[in-house]
Structures are given as C-alpha cells and as structure tokens.
Amino acid sequence: MASSTEAPPRRNRTPRRPGDRIFAGVSTGSGVLILVALAGVAVFLVTEAWPALTAPAEDIPGGEGLVVYIWPLLFGTLISAVLALVIAVPLAVAIALFITYYAPRSIAKALGYIIDLLAAVPSIIFGLWGMNVLAPVTVDPASWLSEHVGWIPFFAGPASSTGRTMLVAIIVLAVMVLPIITAVVREAFTQTPQLHQEAALAIGATRWEMIRMAALPFGRSSIIGASMLGLGRALGETMAVAMVLSASAGVTFDLISSENPPTIAANIALQFPEATGVGMNTLIASGLVLFAITLAVNMIARAVINRRKDFDGAN
C-alpha cells in the first residue's frame, strides 16, 4: 500500500534569462531615477526658497510679505488653468467621440493626424497667434459682453482696448491642452470592448445610447487622467501666457479688463532675468508653490482613478 506521506513532486522552475534580468533591472532603475530626480527638484526648490520664506516682509518685492506676493500669482494660475480645462475637456471628449464613432474612416484618420501634430506645436507659436490674431478679434465681443452681461463678475469690464486679457489667455491654454486630452481620450474609446458595443446595439440602443452605456463608462478614468494631464500643462505654461496676458498685480474675476492677475510661471519668466538676492529667492518660492500644486493635482487624480474598478466583461 502506497504511503500517504510521500513528498509532492518538485516543480521545475524556469530559470530567468539574462535578457529578463537586464530588462527588470533597467525598469527598476528608471523608476528609481524618476523618484531621485523629483526629490532633487524638491530639495533644490526648498533650499533656494528658504531665504525668502524666512525673510522679513519688507525685504520681499512689494514690501508686504511672501503670502501677499504669491497669492495673486496663485489665483491667476488657478483661474486660467481651471477655466481652460472647462472649455477644453467637453470639446476634447466630443472630438474623440466624433473621430471614433461618427467620422468616416478616411476623415477620422486625417483628423487624428492633425490632432497629433497640433500637440507638437511649440507654445511660443500659440502665444504669437493669441497676441496677434485672437486678441484683436476679441475686442468687440468683449465690449459687447461688458455692456450686456456685465452683471456677471467674469465680464464686469471695462473691456480692454488691446484684447490682451485673461479671457484670451484662457482660450489659448484651452487650445494648447485640447490635443493632449483628445489623443488620450480617443485612444481609450478605441479600446472599448467590442462585445459591450454590440450588446448595447443588439438590445435596440441607438449609437448615442451605445456610447452612453458602453464607451463613456469605459473611458471615464481615462477622461479624468487626460484632464489632469491637461491641467498640469496649463498650470505650468509660460511663454504663451507671458506673451498674451497684459498682467498687473491684483486679484480679480474679471476676464476682459486690462487688469489681469499674473500667473506663477509667466511671472518667473518675466522677472527672473533681472532678479537678484531675495527677489530671486522669492521667485523660486513661487515656483515651489507651483510644484506643490502640480504634485497635489496628480496625486488627487491618481486617487480618483484608483477608486474606480477596472471596467471589464465581468462588471
């Protein structure tokens, strides 16, 4: 009678090939390198900003302290980036849906190429377009908005005679982040499981109902991730905003007047060449604030995405 205490047969473990070990090491090293670079940037910003953080208020440019100096910059950065995202995200989702589900194949392919090329246009080109083309065009509409809907804080006026306003900067930022968001969302829509789409159509759903029941739920996390990617681009944009915006110190919701809150990145680009001493440390301190905001936005976006379970055939 066979003994019941026989040892189970040993499993032959496949030895790892040298290429697998090299690839795993390179991948791990790349991840660690990113973390080291991020930590290095943070240490540099904190070290260089420390003199401004500990300096008396009268030594800070403006003579009213670091918080008073940075607050208008932070406000301008947030309002321009958030409103640009409000414009860009619905348009990006609509364009991605049109390319994926409505446009003929030849037109969809051409539009995809155009969007990808638009994402590669340098920001200074967008700045030149906004300053020389878009700004003059918005003068008359801004005057109409100030006259007829001036009770809305965004259009209180008086309208700027040059058109170099926060509204133009927001539109330029929206155009800049539009191709990035569109490309990511379009890729997510193309990966929507075919079985889900066919099941929706089989029960009598229209094309829009199929999109609402299958494509949009599947691409929800990608839309959030793409939006945060576009928000990061808008928060850190420098040259386009510096060229378009006629900035002046202050906090205001008025988007069409000649008095506009500056942004952190544009202010650093304009003031850094002439900054010395504590003034330079103050600019770096504002950069530290922008770094912290960008990091927080990405962490929040990652937390939101991770809360949602993967959309698969079992759901």
C-alpha atoms as a PDB file:
ATOM      1  CA  MET A   1       0.000   0.000   0.000  1.00  0.00           C
ATOM      2  CA  ALA A   2       1.433   3.341  -1.041  1.00  0.00           C
ATOM      3  CA  SER A   3       2.371   5.653   1.785  1.00  0.00           C
ATOM      4  CA  SER A   4       0.228   8.773   2.097  1.00  0.00           C
ATOM      5  CA  THR A   5       3.172  10.820   3.311  1.00  0.00           C
ATOM      6  CA  GLU A   6       5.024  10.879   0.035  1.00  0.00           C
ATOM      7  CA  ALA A   7       6.546  14.262  -0.714  1.00  0.00           C
ATOM      8  CA  PRO A   8       4.896  16.156  -3.572  1.00  0.00           C
ATOM      9  CA  PRO A   9       6.928  16.266  -6.762  1.00  0.00           C
ATOM     10  CA  ARG A  10       9.165  19.292  -7.131  1.00  0.00           C
ATOM     11  CA  ARG A  11       8.164  21.838  -9.700  1.00  0.00           C
ATOM     12  CA  ASN A  12      10.821  22.736 -12.179  1.00  0.00           C
ATOM     13  CA  ARG A  13      11.238  26.494 -12.026  1.00  0.00           C
ATOM     14  CA  THR A  14      12.108  28.026 -15.351  1.00  0.00           C
ATOM     15  CA  PRO A  15      15.406  29.902 -14.991  1.00  0.00           C
ATOM     16  CA  ARG A  16      15.268  33.610 -15.783  1.00  0.00           C
ATOM     17  CA  ARG A  17      17.049  34.546 -18.931  1.00  0.00           C
ATOM     18  CA  PRO A  18      19.782  37.202 -18.848  1.00  0.00           C
ATOM     19  CA  GLY A  19      17.639  39.486 -21.001  1.00  0.00           C
ATOM     20  CA  ASP A  20      14.769  39.304 -18.489  1.00  0.00           C
ATOM     21  CA  ARG A  21      17.088  40.195 -15.617  1.00  0.00           C
ATOM     22  CA  ILE A  22      18.588  43.100 -17.565  1.00  0.00           C
ATOM     23  CA  PHE A  23      15.155  44.429 -18.517  1.00  0.00           C
ATOM     24  CA  ALA A  24      13.903  44.166 -14.920  1.00  0.00           C
ATOM     25  CA  GLY A  25      16.979  45.988 -13.653  1.00  0.00           C
ATOM     26  CA  VAL A  26      16.700  48.760 -16.232  1.00  0.00           C
ATOM     27  CA  SER A  27      12.984  49.219 -15.489  1.00  0.00           C
ATOM     28  CA  THR A  28      13.568  49.363 -11.739  1.00  0.00           C
ATOM     29  CA  GLY A  29      16.472  51.748 -12.173  1.00  0.00           C
ATOM     30  CA  SER A  30      14.380  54.038 -14.381  1.00  0.00           C
ATOM     31  CA  GLY A  31      11.638  54.191 -11.765  1.00  0.00           C
ATOM     32  CA  VAL A  32      14.140  54.946  -9.019  1.00  0.00           C
ATOM     33  CA  LEU A  33      15.790  57.593 -11.210  1.00  0.00           C
ATOM     34  CA  ILE A  34      12.470  59.394 -11.621  1.00  0.00           C
ATOM     35  CA  LEU A  35      11.968  59.460  -7.862  1.00  0.00           C
ATOM     36  CA  VAL A  36      15.528  60.701  -7.312  1.00  0.00           C
ATOM     37  CA  ALA A  37      15.064  63.466  -9.883  1.00  0.00           C
ATOM     38  CA  LEU A  38      11.762  64.506  -8.289  1.00  0.00           C
ATOM     39  CA  ALA A  39      13.339  64.559  -4.843  1.00  0.00           C
ATOM     40  CA  GLY A  40      16.264  66.551  -6.201  1.00  0.00           C
ATOM     41  CA  VAL A  41      13.969  69.188  -7.662  1.00  0.00           C
ATOM     42  CA  ALA A  42      12.065  69.422  -4.382  1.00  0.00           C
ATOM     43  CA  VAL A  43      15.273  69.790  -2.351  1.00  0.00           C
ATOM     44  CA  PHE A  44      16.577  72.462  -4.710  1.00  0.00           C
ATOM     45  CA  LEU A  45      13.362  74.466  -4.552  1.00  0.00           C
ATOM     46  CA  VAL A  46      13.135  74.291  -0.772  1.00  0.00           C
ATOM     47  CA  THR A  47      16.808  75.198  -0.321  1.00  0.00           C
ATOM     48  CA  GLU A  48      16.695  78.165  -2.692  1.00  0.00           C
ATOM     49  CA  ALA A  49      13.312  79.376  -1.431  1.00  0.00           C
ATOM     50  CA  TRP A  50      14.266  79.200   2.244  1.00  0.00           C
ATOM     51  CA  PRO A  51      15.792  82.737   2.401  1.00  0.00           C
ATOM     52  CA  ALA A  52      12.507  84.141   1.088  1.00  0.00           C
ATOM     53  CA  LEU A  53      10.472  82.003   3.492  1.00  0.00           C
ATOM     54  CA  THR A  54      12.419  83.364   6.465  1.00  0.00           C
ATOM     55  CA  ALA A  55      12.963  86.934   5.224  1.00  0.00           C
ATOM     56  CA  PRO A  56      11.085  89.854   6.815  1.00  0.00           C
ATOM     57  CA  ALA A  57       8.085  91.155   4.905  1.00  0.00           C
ATOM     58  CA  GLU A  58       9.765  94.414   3.902  1.00  0.00           C
ATOM     59  CA  ASP A  59      12.533  92.524   2.063  1.00  0.00           C
ATOM     60  CA  ILE A  60      10.074  90.720  -0.218  1.00  0.00           C
ATOM     61  CA  PRO A  61       9.327  92.515  -3.520  1.00  0.00           C
ATOM     62  CA  GLY A  62       6.332  94.756  -2.877  1.00  0.00           C
ATOM     63  CA  GLY A  63       7.202  95.052   0.811  1.00  0.00           C
ATOM     64  CA  GLU A  64       4.051  93.261   2.030  1.00  0.00           C
ATOM     65  CA  GLY A  65       5.320  89.748   2.631  1.00  0.00           C
ATOM     66  CA  LEU A  66       5.614  86.496   0.728  1.00  0.00           C
ATOM     67  CA  VAL A  67       1.966  85.472   1.011  1.00  0.00           C
ATOM     68  CA  VAL A  68       0.732  88.786  -0.380  1.00  0.00           C
ATOM     69  CA  TYR A  69       3.241  88.489  -3.220  1.00  0.00           C
ATOM     70  CA  ILE A  70       2.363  84.917  -4.206  1.00  0.00           C
ATOM     71  CA  TRP A  71      -1.419  84.991  -3.694  1.00  0.00           C
ATOM     72  CA  PRO A  72      -2.280  86.970  -6.894  1.00  0.00           C
ATOM     73  CA  LEU A  73       0.084  84.751  -8.874  1.00  0.00           C
ATOM     74  CA  LEU A  74      -1.549  81.622  -7.466  1.00  0.00           C
ATOM     75  CA  PHE A  75      -5.025  82.968  -8.157  1.00  0.00           C
ATOM     76  CA  GLY A  76      -4.168  83.824 -11.762  1.00  0.00           C
ATOM     77  CA  THR A  77      -2.583  80.419 -12.298  1.00  0.00           C
ATOM     78  CA  LEU A  78      -5.575  78.522 -10.940  1.00  0.00           C
ATOM     79  CA  ILE A  79      -8.314  80.541 -12.633  1.00  0.00           C
ATOM     80  CA  SER A  80      -6.636  80.408 -16.044  1.00  0.00           C
ATOM     81  CA  ALA A  81      -5.896  76.680 -15.872  1.00  0.00           C
ATOM     82  CA  VAL A  82      -9.269  75.614 -14.466  1.00  0.00           C
ATOM     83  CA  LEU A  83     -11.328  77.688 -16.910  1.00  0.00           C
ATOM     84  CA  ALA A  84      -9.169  76.477 -19.789  1.00  0.00           C
ATOM     85  CA  LEU A  85      -9.963  72.931 -18.691  1.00  0.00           C
ATOM     86  CA  VAL A  86     -13.681  73.745 -18.520  1.00  0.00           C
ATOM     87  CA  ILE A  87     -13.516  74.740 -22.189  1.00  0.00           C
ATOM     88  CA  ALA A  88     -11.148  72.029 -23.399  1.00  0.00           C
ATOM     89  CA  VAL A  89     -12.488  68.845 -21.776  1.00  0.00           C
ATOM     90  CA  PRO A  90     -16.020  68.823 -23.311  1.00  0.00           C
ATOM     91  CA  LEU A  91     -14.588  69.729 -26.722  1.00  0.00           C
ATOM     92  CA  ALA A  92     -11.911  67.046 -26.437  1.00  0.00           C
ATOM     93  CA  VAL A  93     -14.436  64.353 -25.498  1.00  0.00           C
ATOM     94  CA  ALA A  94     -16.754  65.444 -28.336  1.00  0.00           C
ATOM     95  CA  ILE A  95     -13.908  65.396 -30.872  1.00  0.00           C
ATOM     96  CA  ALA A  96     -12.739  61.987 -29.664  1.00  0.00           C
ATOM     97  CA  LEU A  97     -16.269  60.594 -29.964  1.00  0.00           C
ATOM     98  CA  PHE A  98     -16.673  62.039 -33.462  1.00  0.00           C
ATOM     99  CA  ILE A  99     -13.365  60.596 -34.653  1.00  0.00           C
ATOM    100  CA  THR A 100     -14.034  57.180 -33.101  1.00  0.00           C
ATOM    101  CA  TYR A 101     -17.728  56.608 -33.806  1.00  0.00           C
ATOM    102  CA  TYR A 102     -19.096  59.094 -36.332  1.00  0.00           C
ATOM    103  CA  ALA A 103     -16.469  60.208 -38.837  1.00  0.00           C
ATOM    104  CA  PRO A 104     -15.749  58.101 -41.943  1.00  0.00           C
ATOM    105  CA  ARG A 105     -12.511  56.160 -41.725  1.00  0.00           C
ATOM    106  CA  SER A 106     -10.565  58.413 -44.107  1.00  0.00           C
ATOM    107  CA  ILE A 107     -11.686  61.605 -42.345  1.00  0.00           C
ATOM    108  CA  ALA A 108     -11.074  60.110 -38.890  1.00  0.00           C
ATOM    109  CA  LYS A 109      -7.534  59.133 -39.863  1.00  0.00           C
ATOM    110  CA  ALA A 110      -6.779  62.623 -41.183  1.00  0.00           C
ATOM    111  CA  LEU A 111      -8.242  64.295 -38.084  1.00  0.00           C
ATOM    112  CA  GLY A 112      -6.192  62.012 -35.851  1.00  0.00           C
ATOM    113  CA  TYR A 113      -3.000  63.082 -37.619  1.00  0.00           C
ATOM    114  CA  ILE A 114      -3.949  66.762 -37.364  1.00  0.00           C
ATOM    115  CA  ILE A 115      -4.637  66.492 -33.632  1.00  0.00           C
ATOM    116  CA  ASP A 116      -1.339  64.702 -33.032  1.00  0.00           C
ATOM    117  CA  LEU A 117       0.518  67.396 -34.983  1.00  0.00           C
ATOM    118  CA  LEU A 118      -1.280  70.148 -33.085  1.00  0.00           C
ATOM    119  CA  ALA A 119       0.059  68.723 -29.828  1.00  0.00           C
ATOM    120  CA  ALA A 120       3.614  69.200 -31.148  1.00  0.00           C
ATOM    121  CA  VAL A 121       3.252  72.916 -31.959  1.00  0.00           C
ATOM    122  CA  PRO A 122       5.615  74.996 -29.747  1.00  0.00           C
ATOM    123  CA  SER A 123       3.945  77.145 -27.126  1.00  0.00           C
ATOM    124  CA  ILE A 124       5.518  80.313 -28.495  1.00  0.00           C
ATOM    125  CA  ILE A 125       3.556  79.795 -31.730  1.00  0.00           C
ATOM    126  CA  PHE A 126       0.331  79.694 -29.745  1.00  0.00           C
ATOM    127  CA  GLY A 127       1.473  82.852 -27.955  1.00  0.00           C
ATOM    128  CA  LEU A 128       2.071  84.676 -31.233  1.00  0.00           C
ATOM    129  CA  TRP A 129      -1.309  83.532 -32.541  1.00  0.00           C
ATOM    130  CA  GLY A 130      -3.079  84.652 -29.389  1.00  0.00           C
ATOM    131  CA  MET A 131      -1.329  88.034 -29.282  1.00  0.00           C
ATOM    132  CA  ASN A 132      -1.577  88.976 -32.963  1.00  0.00           C
ATOM    133  CA  VAL A 133      -4.745  87.212 -34.119  1.00  0.00           C
ATOM    134  CA  LEU A 134      -7.019  86.256 -31.257  1.00  0.00           C
ATOM    135  CA  ALA A 135      -6.553  89.328 -29.048  1.00  0.00           C
ATOM    136  CA  PRO A 136      -7.681  91.910 -31.672  1.00  0.00           C
ATOM    137  CA  VAL A 137     -10.631  89.709 -32.647  1.00  0.00           C
ATOM    138  CA  THR A 138     -11.954  89.584 -29.072  1.00  0.00           C
ATOM    139  CA  VAL A 139     -12.031  93.372 -28.504  1.00  0.00           C
ATOM    140  CA  ASP A 140     -15.545  93.933 -29.904  1.00  0.00           C
ATOM    141  CA  PRO A 141     -17.108  90.787 -28.364  1.00  0.00           C
ATOM    142  CA  ALA A 142     -15.568  91.718 -25.013  1.00  0.00           C
ATOM    143  CA  SER A 143     -17.104  95.194 -25.233  1.00  0.00           C
ATOM    144  CA  TRP A 144     -20.494  93.627 -26.017  1.00  0.00           C
ATOM    145  CA  LEU A 145     -20.178  91.265 -23.057  1.00  0.00           C
ATOM    146  CA  SER A 146     -19.259  94.127 -20.740  1.00  0.00           C
ATOM    147  CA  GLU A 147     -22.243  96.162 -21.925  1.00  0.00           C
ATOM    148  CA  HIS A 148     -24.914  93.480 -21.893  1.00  0.00           C
ATOM    149  CA  VAL A 149     -23.864  90.885 -19.300  1.00  0.00           C
ATOM    150  CA  GLY A 150     -21.587  92.979 -17.119  1.00  0.00           C
ATOM    151  CA  TRP A 151     -23.532  91.828 -14.049  1.00  0.00           C
ATOM    152  CA  ILE A 152     -21.592  88.552 -14.336  1.00  0.00           C
ATOM    153  CA  PRO A 153     -18.278  89.006 -12.454  1.00  0.00           C
ATOM    154  CA  PHE A 154     -16.317  87.419 -15.309  1.00  0.00           C
ATOM    155  CA  PHE A 155     -17.446  90.155 -17.727  1.00  0.00           C
ATOM    156  CA  ALA A 156     -17.693  93.160 -15.432  1.00  0.00           C
ATOM    157  CA  GLY A 157     -15.353  95.249 -17.587  1.00  0.00           C
ATOM    158  CA  PRO A 158     -14.439  97.788 -18.696  1.00  0.00           C
ATOM    159  CA  ALA A 159     -13.213  95.812 -21.684  1.00  0.00           C
ATOM    160  CA  SER A 160      -9.573  96.118 -22.647  1.00  0.00           C
ATOM    161  CA  SER A 161      -8.837  98.050 -25.836  1.00  0.00           C
ATOM    162  CA  THR A 162      -5.923  95.748 -26.735  1.00  0.00           C
ATOM    163  CA  GLY A 163      -7.598  92.381 -26.194  1.00  0.00           C
ATOM    164  CA  ARG A 164      -4.646  91.066 -24.175  1.00  0.00           C
ATOM    165  CA  THR A 165      -6.817  89.785 -21.370  1.00  0.00           C
ATOM    166  CA  MET A 166      -7.222  86.757 -19.160  1.00  0.00           C
ATOM    167  CA  LEU A 167     -10.014  85.546 -21.466  1.00  0.00           C
ATOM    168  CA  VAL A 168      -7.613  85.337 -24.403  1.00  0.00           C
ATOM    169  CA  ALA A 169      -5.027  83.560 -22.246  1.00  0.00           C
ATOM    170  CA  ILE A 170      -7.682  81.025 -21.184  1.00  0.00           C
ATOM    171  CA  ILE A 171      -8.687  80.361 -24.804  1.00  0.00           C
ATOM    172  CA  VAL A 172      -5.047  79.919 -25.818  1.00  0.00           C
ATOM    173  CA  LEU A 173      -4.465  77.485 -22.949  1.00  0.00           C
ATOM    174  CA  ALA A 174      -7.616  75.579 -23.899  1.00  0.00           C
ATOM    175  CA  VAL A 175      -6.390  75.209 -27.482  1.00  0.00           C
ATOM    176  CA  MET A 176      -2.984  74.064 -26.225  1.00  0.00           C
ATOM    177  CA  VAL A 177      -4.310  71.312 -23.939  1.00  0.00           C
ATOM    178  CA  LEU A 178      -7.099  70.240 -26.323  1.00  0.00           C
ATOM    179  CA  PRO A 179      -4.967  67.897 -28.494  1.00  0.00           C
ATOM    180  CA  ILE A 180      -3.374  66.232 -25.459  1.00  0.00           C
ATOM    181  CA  ILE A 181      -6.724  65.429 -23.873  1.00  0.00           C
ATOM    182  CA  THR A 182      -8.244  64.410 -27.212  1.00  0.00           C
ATOM    183  CA  ALA A 183      -5.434  61.979 -28.027  1.00  0.00           C
ATOM    184  CA  VAL A 184      -5.674  60.184 -24.666  1.00  0.00           C
ATOM    185  CA  VAL A 185      -9.480  60.012 -24.660  1.00  0.00           C
ATOM    186  CA  ARG A 186      -9.607  58.865 -28.291  1.00  0.00           C
ATOM    187  CA  GLU A 187      -7.227  56.023 -27.512  1.00  0.00           C
ATOM    188  CA  ALA A 188      -9.452  54.978 -24.608  1.00  0.00           C
ATOM    189  CA  PHE A 189     -12.571  54.987 -26.772  1.00  0.00           C
ATOM    190  CA  THR A 190     -10.909  52.841 -29.425  1.00  0.00           C
ATOM    191  CA  GLN A 191     -10.218  50.217 -26.749  1.00  0.00           C
ATOM    192  CA  THR A 192     -13.848  49.943 -25.648  1.00  0.00           C
ATOM    193  CA  PRO A 193     -14.690  46.203 -25.730  1.00  0.00           C
ATOM    194  CA  GLN A 194     -16.474  45.331 -28.955  1.00  0.00           C
ATOM    195  CA  LEU A 195     -18.770  42.924 -27.101  1.00  0.00           C
ATOM    196  CA  HIS A 196     -20.110  45.775 -24.958  1.00  0.00           C
ATOM    197  CA  GLN A 197     -20.879  47.884 -28.004  1.00  0.00           C
ATOM    198  CA  GLU A 198     -22.528  45.023 -29.876  1.00  0.00           C
ATOM    199  CA  ALA A 199     -24.578  44.079 -26.809  1.00  0.00           C
ATOM    200  CA  ALA A 200     -25.907  47.615 -26.496  1.00  0.00           C
ATOM    201  CA  LEU A 201     -26.807  47.763 -30.183  1.00  0.00           C
ATOM    202  CA  ALA A 202     -28.386  44.320 -30.025  1.00  0.00           C
ATOM    203  CA  ILE A 203     -30.952  45.405 -27.442  1.00  0.00           C
ATOM    204  CA  GLY A 204     -32.039  48.284 -29.685  1.00  0.00           C
ATOM    205  CA  ALA A 205     -29.848  51.125 -28.425  1.00  0.00           C
ATOM    206  CA  THR A 206     -29.077  53.980 -30.761  1.00  0.00           C
ATOM    207  CA  ARG A 207     -25.498  54.951 -31.451  1.00  0.00           C
ATOM    208  CA  TRP A 208     -25.583  57.679 -28.798  1.00  0.00           C
ATOM    209  CA  GLU A 209     -27.168  55.308 -26.258  1.00  0.00           C
ATOM    210  CA  MET A 210     -24.440  52.772 -27.013  1.00  0.00           C
ATOM    211  CA  ILE A 211     -21.808  55.466 -26.419  1.00  0.00           C
ATOM    212  CA  ARG A 212     -23.503  56.497 -23.170  1.00  0.00           C
ATOM    213  CA  MET A 213     -23.810  52.920 -21.876  1.00  0.00           C
ATOM    214  CA  ALA A 214     -20.510  51.432 -23.094  1.00  0.00           C
ATOM    215  CA  ALA A 215     -17.919  53.927 -24.326  1.00  0.00           C
ATOM    216  CA  LEU A 216     -18.261  56.687 -21.732  1.00  0.00           C
ATOM    217  CA  PRO A 217     -18.207  54.372 -18.672  1.00  0.00           C
ATOM    218  CA  PHE A 218     -15.201  52.531 -20.080  1.00  0.00           C
ATOM    219  CA  GLY A 219     -13.319  55.760 -20.792  1.00  0.00           C
ATOM    220  CA  ARG A 220     -14.261  57.616 -17.598  1.00  0.00           C
ATOM    221  CA  SER A 221     -10.970  57.032 -15.840  1.00  0.00           C
ATOM    222  CA  SER A 222      -9.061  57.969 -18.999  1.00  0.00           C
ATOM    223  CA  ILE A 223     -11.037  61.200 -19.254  1.00  0.00           C
ATOM    224  CA  ILE A 224     -10.088  62.050 -15.673  1.00  0.00           C
ATOM    225  CA  GLY A 225      -6.449  61.190 -16.268  1.00  0.00           C
ATOM    226  CA  ALA A 226      -6.317  63.157 -19.524  1.00  0.00           C
ATOM    227  CA  SER A 227      -7.957  66.145 -17.853  1.00  0.00           C
ATOM    228  CA  MET A 228      -5.370  66.146 -15.087  1.00  0.00           C
ATOM    229  CA  LEU A 229      -2.608  65.847 -17.683  1.00  0.00           C
ATOM    230  CA  GLY A 230      -4.020  68.868 -19.479  1.00  0.00           C
ATOM    231  CA  LEU A 231      -4.392  70.720 -16.190  1.00  0.00           C
ATOM    232  CA  GLY A 232      -0.729  70.115 -15.441  1.00  0.00           C
ATOM    233  CA  ARG A 233       0.207  71.533 -18.847  1.00  0.00           C
ATOM    234  CA  ALA A 234      -1.994  74.578 -18.307  1.00  0.00           C
ATOM    235  CA  LEU A 235      -0.670  75.218 -14.787  1.00  0.00           C
ATOM    236  CA  GLY A 236       2.934  75.284 -15.959  1.00  0.00           C
ATOM    237  CA  GLU A 237       2.554  77.086 -19.285  1.00  0.00           C
ATOM    238  CA  THR A 238       4.916  80.032 -19.505  1.00  0.00           C
ATOM    239  CA  MET A 239       5.668  81.723 -22.818  1.00  0.00           C
ATOM    240  CA  ALA A 240       2.197  81.690 -24.363  1.00  0.00           C
ATOM    241  CA  VAL A 241       0.655  83.273 -21.263  1.00  0.00           C
ATOM    242  CA  ALA A 242       3.523  85.756 -20.890  1.00  0.00           C
ATOM    243  CA  MET A 243       3.072  86.908 -24.493  1.00  0.00           C
ATOM    244  CA  VAL A 244      -0.720  87.128 -24.427  1.00  0.00           C
ATOM    245  CA  LEU A 245      -1.519  88.398 -20.944  1.00  0.00           C
ATOM    246  CA  SER A 246      -1.139  92.050 -20.022  1.00  0.00           C
ATOM    247  CA  ALA A 247      -0.704  91.264 -16.346  1.00  0.00           C
ATOM    248  CA  SER A 248      -0.926  93.608 -13.384  1.00  0.00           C
ATOM    249  CA  ALA A 249      -0.883  92.808  -9.702  1.00  0.00           C
ATOM    250  CA  GLY A 250      -4.204  92.102  -8.061  1.00  0.00           C
ATOM    251  CA  VAL A 251      -6.937  89.509  -7.675  1.00  0.00           C
ATOM    252  CA  THR A 252     -10.000  89.860  -9.882  1.00  0.00           C
ATOM    253  CA  PHE A 253     -12.514  87.566 -11.564  1.00  0.00           C
ATOM    254  CA  ASP A 254     -12.916  89.998 -14.451  1.00  0.00           C
ATOM    255  CA  LEU A 255     -11.648  88.236 -17.574  1.00  0.00           C
ATOM    256  CA  ILE A 256     -11.953  91.045 -20.120  1.00  0.00           C
ATOM    257  CA  SER A 257     -10.423  94.090 -18.433  1.00  0.00           C
ATOM    258  CA  SER A 258      -6.866  95.366 -18.791  1.00  0.00           C
ATOM    259  CA  GLU A 259      -6.113  94.479 -15.140  1.00  0.00           C
ATOM    260  CA  ASN A 260      -5.334  90.782 -15.001  1.00  0.00           C
ATOM    261  CA  PRO A 261      -3.755  88.657 -12.273  1.00  0.00           C
ATOM    262  CA  PRO A 262      -0.431  87.196 -13.475  1.00  0.00           C
ATOM    263  CA  THR A 263       0.433  83.510 -13.382  1.00  0.00           C
ATOM    264  CA  ILE A 264       3.326  81.985 -11.481  1.00  0.00           C
ATOM    265  CA  ALA A 265       5.160  80.564 -14.488  1.00  0.00           C
ATOM    266  CA  ALA A 266       4.795  83.707 -16.607  1.00  0.00           C
ATOM    267  CA  ASN A 267       5.864  85.942 -13.712  1.00  0.00           C
ATOM    268  CA  ILE A 268       9.013  83.851 -13.164  1.00  0.00           C
ATOM    269  CA  ALA A 269       9.900  84.032 -16.864  1.00  0.00           C
ATOM    270  CA  LEU A 270       9.443  87.804 -16.993  1.00  0.00           C
ATOM    271  CA  GLN A 271      11.089  88.707 -13.669  1.00  0.00           C
ATOM    272  CA  PHE A 272      13.903  86.169 -13.346  1.00  0.00           C
ATOM    273  CA  PRO A 273      16.469  87.831 -15.695  1.00  0.00           C
ATOM    274  CA  GLU A 274      16.579  90.964 -13.519  1.00  0.00           C
ATOM    275  CA  ALA A 275      16.044  89.335 -10.117  1.00  0.00           C
ATOM    276  CA  THR A 276      18.807  89.310  -7.506  1.00  0.00           C
ATOM    277  CA  GLY A 277      19.149  88.338  -3.853  1.00  0.00           C
ATOM    278  CA  VAL A 278      15.890  87.829  -2.005  1.00  0.00           C
ATOM    279  CA  GLY A 279      13.968  88.728  -5.149  1.00  0.00           C
ATOM    280  CA  MET A 280      15.320  85.634  -6.889  1.00  0.00           C
ATOM    281  CA  ASN A 281      14.576  83.518  -3.804  1.00  0.00           C
ATOM    282  CA  THR A 282      11.023  84.862  -3.861  1.00  0.00           C
ATOM    283  CA  LEU A 283      10.551  83.763  -7.464  1.00  0.00           C
ATOM    284  CA  ILE A 284      11.862  80.305  -6.581  1.00  0.00           C
ATOM    285  CA  ALA A 285       9.450  80.210  -3.625  1.00  0.00           C
ATOM    286  CA  SER A 286       6.579  80.857  -6.033  1.00  0.00           C
ATOM    287  CA  GLY A 287       7.932  78.030  -8.183  1.00  0.00           C
ATOM    288  CA  LEU A 288       7.866  75.801  -5.107  1.00  0.00           C
ATOM    289  CA  VAL A 289       4.169  76.607  -4.671  1.00  0.00           C
ATOM    290  CA  LEU A 290       3.501  75.695  -8.310  1.00  0.00           C
ATOM    291  CA  PHE A 291       5.469  72.464  -7.866  1.00  0.00           C
ATOM    292  CA  ALA A 292       3.400  71.542  -4.815  1.00  0.00           C
ATOM    293  CA  ILE A 293       0.109  72.308  -6.567  1.00  0.00           C
ATOM    294  CA  THR A 294       1.023  70.236  -9.614  1.00  0.00           C
ATOM    295  CA  LEU A 295       2.087  67.336  -7.413  1.00  0.00           C
ATOM    296  CA  ALA A 296      -1.138  67.541  -5.396  1.00  0.00           C
ATOM    297  CA  VAL A 297      -3.282  67.618  -8.536  1.00  0.00           C
ATOM    298  CA  ASN A 298      -1.642  64.491  -9.895  1.00  0.00           C
ATOM    299  CA  MET A 299      -1.945  62.687  -6.560  1.00  0.00           C
ATOM    300  CA  ILE A 300      -5.643  63.539  -6.328  1.00  0.00           C
ATOM    301  CA  ALA A 301      -6.203  62.385  -9.902  1.00  0.00           C
ATOM    302  CA  ARG A 302      -4.445  59.097  -9.184  1.00  0.00           C
ATOM    303  CA  ALA A 303      -6.556  58.586  -6.065  1.00  0.00           C
ATOM    304  CA  VAL A 304      -9.777  59.229  -8.011  1.00  0.00           C
ATOM    305  CA  ILE A 305      -8.775  56.809 -10.756  1.00  0.00           C
ATOM    306  CA  ASN A 306      -7.751  54.078  -8.314  1.00  0.00           C
ATOM    307  CA  ARG A 307     -11.120  54.233  -6.538  1.00  0.00           C
ATOM    308  CA  ARG A 308     -12.844  53.020  -9.689  1.00  0.00           C
ATOM    309  CA  LYS A 309     -12.661  49.328 -10.507  1.00  0.00           C
ATOM    310  CA  ASP A 310     -11.467  48.242 -13.912  1.00  0.00           C
ATOM    311  CA  PHE A 311     -14.248  48.121 -16.489  1.00  0.00           C
ATOM    312  CA  ASP A 312     -14.163  44.590 -17.877  1.00  0.00           C
ATOM    313  CA  GLY A 313     -16.518  41.946 -19.123  1.00  0.00           C
ATOM    314  CA  ALA A 314     -17.312  40.799 -15.586  1.00  0.00           C
ATOM    315  CA  ASN A 315     -18.704  44.148 -14.487  1.00  0.00           C
END
